[in-house]
């Protein structure tokens, strides 16, 4: 059973598949593995140090704190504030909820993490 957010995300993936005319393969990292990624691991410790003692009363101090660390000489961290206003409370259409299995094929081993989305459906 998909959560409402995951269902909405899947519906958007099917729409993207239709728009691009492509079959999309989706592979999510297993939970708690992103901290083991070597680049993220080196960066997250530096970001954490730059946030030490910073009062986050507006977005500007957070942006400055993110932009401060340089985990290696010559590398930079870029941060920007998104000015896009996202729609809240989007619901999945009832039609898609009933037919979602026609557009998704989950991997037999990592079913929740790896799947294929095709707007043309699977035969």
C-alpha atoms as a PDB file:
ATOM      1  CA  UNK A   1       0.000   0.000   0.000  1.00  0.00           C
ATOM      2  CA  UNK A   2       1.497   3.308  -1.089  1.00  0.00           C
ATOM      3  CA  UNK A   3       1.283   6.401   1.082  1.00  0.00           C
ATOM      4  CA  UNK A   4      -0.620   9.354  -0.421  1.00  0.00           C
ATOM      5  CA  UNK A   5       2.705  11.135  -1.103  1.00  0.00           C
ATOM      6  CA  UNK A   6       4.231   8.096  -2.825  1.00  0.00           C
ATOM      7  CA  UNK A   7       1.065   7.593  -4.857  1.00  0.00           C
ATOM      8  CA  UNK A   8       1.112  11.228  -5.980  1.00  0.00           C
ATOM      9  CA  UNK A   9       4.830  10.912  -6.841  1.00  0.00           C
ATOM     10  CA  UNK A  10       4.108   7.787  -8.896  1.00  0.00           C
ATOM     11  CA  UNK A  11       1.300   9.553 -10.753  1.00  0.00           C
ATOM     12  CA  UNK A  12       3.701  12.396 -11.573  1.00  0.00           C
ATOM     13  CA  UNK A  13       6.267   9.843 -12.811  1.00  0.00           C
ATOM     14  CA  UNK A  14       3.676   8.316 -15.143  1.00  0.00           C
ATOM     15  CA  UNK A  15       2.873  11.814 -16.471  1.00  0.00           C
ATOM     16  CA  UNK A  16       6.602  12.445 -17.024  1.00  0.00           C
ATOM     17  CA  UNK A  17       6.911   9.096 -18.814  1.00  0.00           C
ATOM     18  CA  UNK A  18       4.035  10.083 -21.110  1.00  0.00           C
ATOM     19  CA  UNK A  19       5.515  13.532 -21.731  1.00  0.00           C
ATOM     20  CA  UNK A  20       8.979  12.157 -22.584  1.00  0.00           C
ATOM     21  CA  UNK A  21       7.695   9.047 -24.350  1.00  0.00           C
ATOM     22  CA  UNK A  22      10.124   6.939 -22.337  1.00  0.00           C
ATOM     23  CA  UNK A  23       9.993   4.048 -19.898  1.00  0.00           C
ATOM     24  CA  UNK A  24      11.538   5.261 -16.611  1.00  0.00           C
ATOM     25  CA  UNK A  25      13.585   3.030 -14.323  1.00  0.00           C
ATOM     26  CA  UNK A  26      13.571   4.241 -10.715  1.00  0.00           C
ATOM     27  CA  UNK A  27      16.115   3.041  -8.167  1.00  0.00           C
ATOM     28  CA  UNK A  28      15.948   4.404  -4.624  1.00  0.00           C
ATOM     29  CA  UNK A  29      18.787   3.964  -2.167  1.00  0.00           C
ATOM     30  CA  UNK A  30      17.906   1.765   0.785  1.00  0.00           C
ATOM     31  CA  UNK A  31      17.084   3.668   3.997  1.00  0.00           C
ATOM     32  CA  UNK A  32      20.018   5.077   5.970  1.00  0.00           C
ATOM     33  CA  UNK A  33      22.570   4.538   3.204  1.00  0.00           C
ATOM     34  CA  UNK A  34      22.992   8.119   2.000  1.00  0.00           C
ATOM     35  CA  UNK A  35      25.170   8.942   5.019  1.00  0.00           C
ATOM     36  CA  UNK A  36      27.546   6.206   3.881  1.00  0.00           C
ATOM     37  CA  UNK A  37      28.065   7.920   0.523  1.00  0.00           C
ATOM     38  CA  UNK A  38      31.695   9.162   0.655  1.00  0.00           C
ATOM     39  CA  UNK A  39      31.009  12.624  -0.767  1.00  0.00           C
ATOM     40  CA  UNK A  40      27.928  13.236   1.381  1.00  0.00           C
ATOM     41  CA  UNK A  41      29.747  11.938   4.448  1.00  0.00           C
ATOM     42  CA  UNK A  42      32.665  14.360   3.998  1.00  0.00           C
ATOM     43  CA  UNK A  43      30.348  17.249   3.233  1.00  0.00           C
ATOM     44  CA  UNK A  44      27.785  16.689   5.986  1.00  0.00           C
ATOM     45  CA  UNK A  45      30.412  16.893   8.744  1.00  0.00           C
ATOM     46  CA  UNK A  46      31.670  20.217   7.363  1.00  0.00           C
ATOM     47  CA  UNK A  47      28.133  21.582   7.041  1.00  0.00           C
ATOM     48  CA  UNK A  48      27.404  20.546  10.610  1.00  0.00           C
ATOM     49  CA  UNK A  49      30.474  22.461  11.842  1.00  0.00           C
ATOM     50  CA  UNK A  50      29.443  25.598   9.927  1.00  0.00           C
ATOM     51  CA  UNK A  51      26.008  25.548  11.616  1.00  0.00           C
ATOM     52  CA  UNK A  52      27.568  25.578  15.094  1.00  0.00           C
ATOM     53  CA  UNK A  53      26.284  28.615  16.985  1.00  0.00           C
ATOM     54  CA  UNK A  54      24.256  29.976  14.069  1.00  0.00           C
ATOM     55  CA  UNK A  55      20.823  31.328  14.934  1.00  0.00           C
ATOM     56  CA  UNK A  56      18.427  30.395  12.156  1.00  0.00           C
ATOM     57  CA  UNK A  57      15.934  33.235  12.357  1.00  0.00           C
ATOM     58  CA  UNK A  58      15.666  33.606   8.565  1.00  0.00           C
ATOM     59  CA  UNK A  59      16.803  31.737   5.452  1.00  0.00           C
ATOM     60  CA  UNK A  60      19.888  33.954   4.982  1.00  0.00           C
ATOM     61  CA  UNK A  61      21.985  32.521   7.883  1.00  0.00           C
ATOM     62  CA  UNK A  62      21.227  28.986   6.688  1.00  0.00           C
ATOM     63  CA  UNK A  63      22.318  29.824   3.143  1.00  0.00           C
ATOM     64  CA  UNK A  64      25.536  31.404   4.445  1.00  0.00           C
ATOM     65  CA  UNK A  65      26.251  28.431   6.696  1.00  0.00           C
ATOM     66  CA  UNK A  66      25.743  25.984   3.826  1.00  0.00           C
ATOM     67  CA  UNK A  67      27.990  28.006   1.521  1.00  0.00           C
ATOM     68  CA  UNK A  68      30.852  28.204   4.057  1.00  0.00           C
ATOM     69  CA  UNK A  69      32.249  24.645   4.128  1.00  0.00           C
ATOM     70  CA  UNK A  70      34.819  23.402   1.646  1.00  0.00           C
ATOM     71  CA  UNK A  71      35.540  19.740   2.372  1.00  0.00           C
ATOM     72  CA  UNK A  72      38.543  19.713   0.049  1.00  0.00           C
ATOM     73  CA  UNK A  73      40.733  22.470  -1.370  1.00  0.00           C
ATOM     74  CA  UNK A  74      39.239  23.701  -4.612  1.00  0.00           C
ATOM     75  CA  UNK A  75      35.755  22.358  -3.930  1.00  0.00           C
ATOM     76  CA  UNK A  76      32.790  24.598  -3.254  1.00  0.00           C
ATOM     77  CA  UNK A  77      29.302  24.196  -1.887  1.00  0.00           C
ATOM     78  CA  UNK A  78      26.488  26.098  -3.565  1.00  0.00           C
ATOM     79  CA  UNK A  79      23.201  26.810  -1.836  1.00  0.00           C
ATOM     80  CA  UNK A  80      20.243  28.817  -3.026  1.00  0.00           C
ATOM     81  CA  UNK A  81      16.776  29.554  -1.801  1.00  0.00           C
ATOM     82  CA  UNK A  82      14.005  28.167  -3.981  1.00  0.00           C
ATOM     83  CA  UNK A  83      11.370  30.770  -4.685  1.00  0.00           C
ATOM     84  CA  UNK A  84       8.894  28.278  -6.109  1.00  0.00           C
ATOM     85  CA  UNK A  85       5.618  27.959  -4.256  1.00  0.00           C
ATOM     86  CA  UNK A  86       4.522  24.340  -4.261  1.00  0.00           C
ATOM     87  CA  UNK A  87       0.897  23.322  -4.122  1.00  0.00           C
ATOM     88  CA  UNK A  88      -0.039  21.713  -0.815  1.00  0.00           C
ATOM     89  CA  UNK A  89      -2.523  18.939  -0.349  1.00  0.00           C
ATOM     90  CA  UNK A  90      -2.364  17.551  -3.889  1.00  0.00           C
ATOM     91  CA  UNK A  91      -4.365  14.351  -4.131  1.00  0.00           C
ATOM     92  CA  UNK A  92      -3.973  11.448  -6.483  1.00  0.00           C
ATOM     93  CA  UNK A  93      -6.823  11.049  -8.944  1.00  0.00           C
ATOM     94  CA  UNK A  94      -9.254   8.229  -8.196  1.00  0.00           C
ATOM     95  CA  UNK A  95      -8.745   6.891 -11.721  1.00  0.00           C
ATOM     96  CA  UNK A  96      -4.989   6.578 -11.239  1.00  0.00           C
ATOM     97  CA  UNK A  97      -5.371   4.992  -7.816  1.00  0.00           C
ATOM     98  CA  UNK A  98      -7.480   2.241  -9.367  1.00  0.00           C
ATOM     99  CA  UNK A  99      -5.156   1.664 -12.356  1.00  0.00           C
ATOM    100  CA  UNK A 100      -1.692   2.372 -10.896  1.00  0.00           C
ATOM    101  CA  UNK A 101      -0.585  -1.260 -11.185  1.00  0.00           C
ATOM    102  CA  UNK A 102      -0.929  -1.051 -14.978  1.00  0.00           C
ATOM    103  CA  UNK A 103       1.930   1.479 -15.124  1.00  0.00           C
ATOM    104  CA  UNK A 104       4.377   0.108 -12.523  1.00  0.00           C
ATOM    105  CA  UNK A 105       6.446  -3.056 -12.416  1.00  0.00           C
ATOM    106  CA  UNK A 106       8.379  -3.628  -9.217  1.00  0.00           C
ATOM    107  CA  UNK A 107      11.640  -5.542  -9.061  1.00  0.00           C
ATOM    108  CA  UNK A 108      11.271  -9.072  -7.691  1.00  0.00           C
ATOM    109  CA  UNK A 109      14.058  -8.599  -5.116  1.00  0.00           C
ATOM    110  CA  UNK A 110      13.939  -4.911  -4.167  1.00  0.00           C
ATOM    111  CA  UNK A 111      10.293  -4.245  -4.974  1.00  0.00           C
ATOM    112  CA  UNK A 112       9.812  -1.072  -2.973  1.00  0.00           C
ATOM    113  CA  UNK A 113      13.174   0.408  -3.965  1.00  0.00           C
ATOM    114  CA  UNK A 114      13.483  -0.455  -7.665  1.00  0.00           C
ATOM    115  CA  UNK A 115      10.682  -0.233 -10.196  1.00  0.00           C
ATOM    116  CA  UNK A 116       9.886   0.720 -13.775  1.00  0.00           C
ATOM    117  CA  UNK A 117       7.236   3.257 -14.773  1.00  0.00           C
ATOM    118  CA  UNK A 118       5.744   3.270 -18.269  1.00  0.00           C
ATOM    119  CA  UNK A 119       2.837   5.519 -19.306  1.00  0.00           C
ATOM    120  CA  UNK A 120       1.969   3.067 -22.105  1.00  0.00           C
ATOM    121  CA  UNK A 121       1.447   0.303 -19.566  1.00  0.00           C
ATOM    122  CA  UNK A 122       2.806  -3.227 -19.547  1.00  0.00           C
ATOM    123  CA  UNK A 123       1.418  -6.097 -21.568  1.00  0.00           C
END
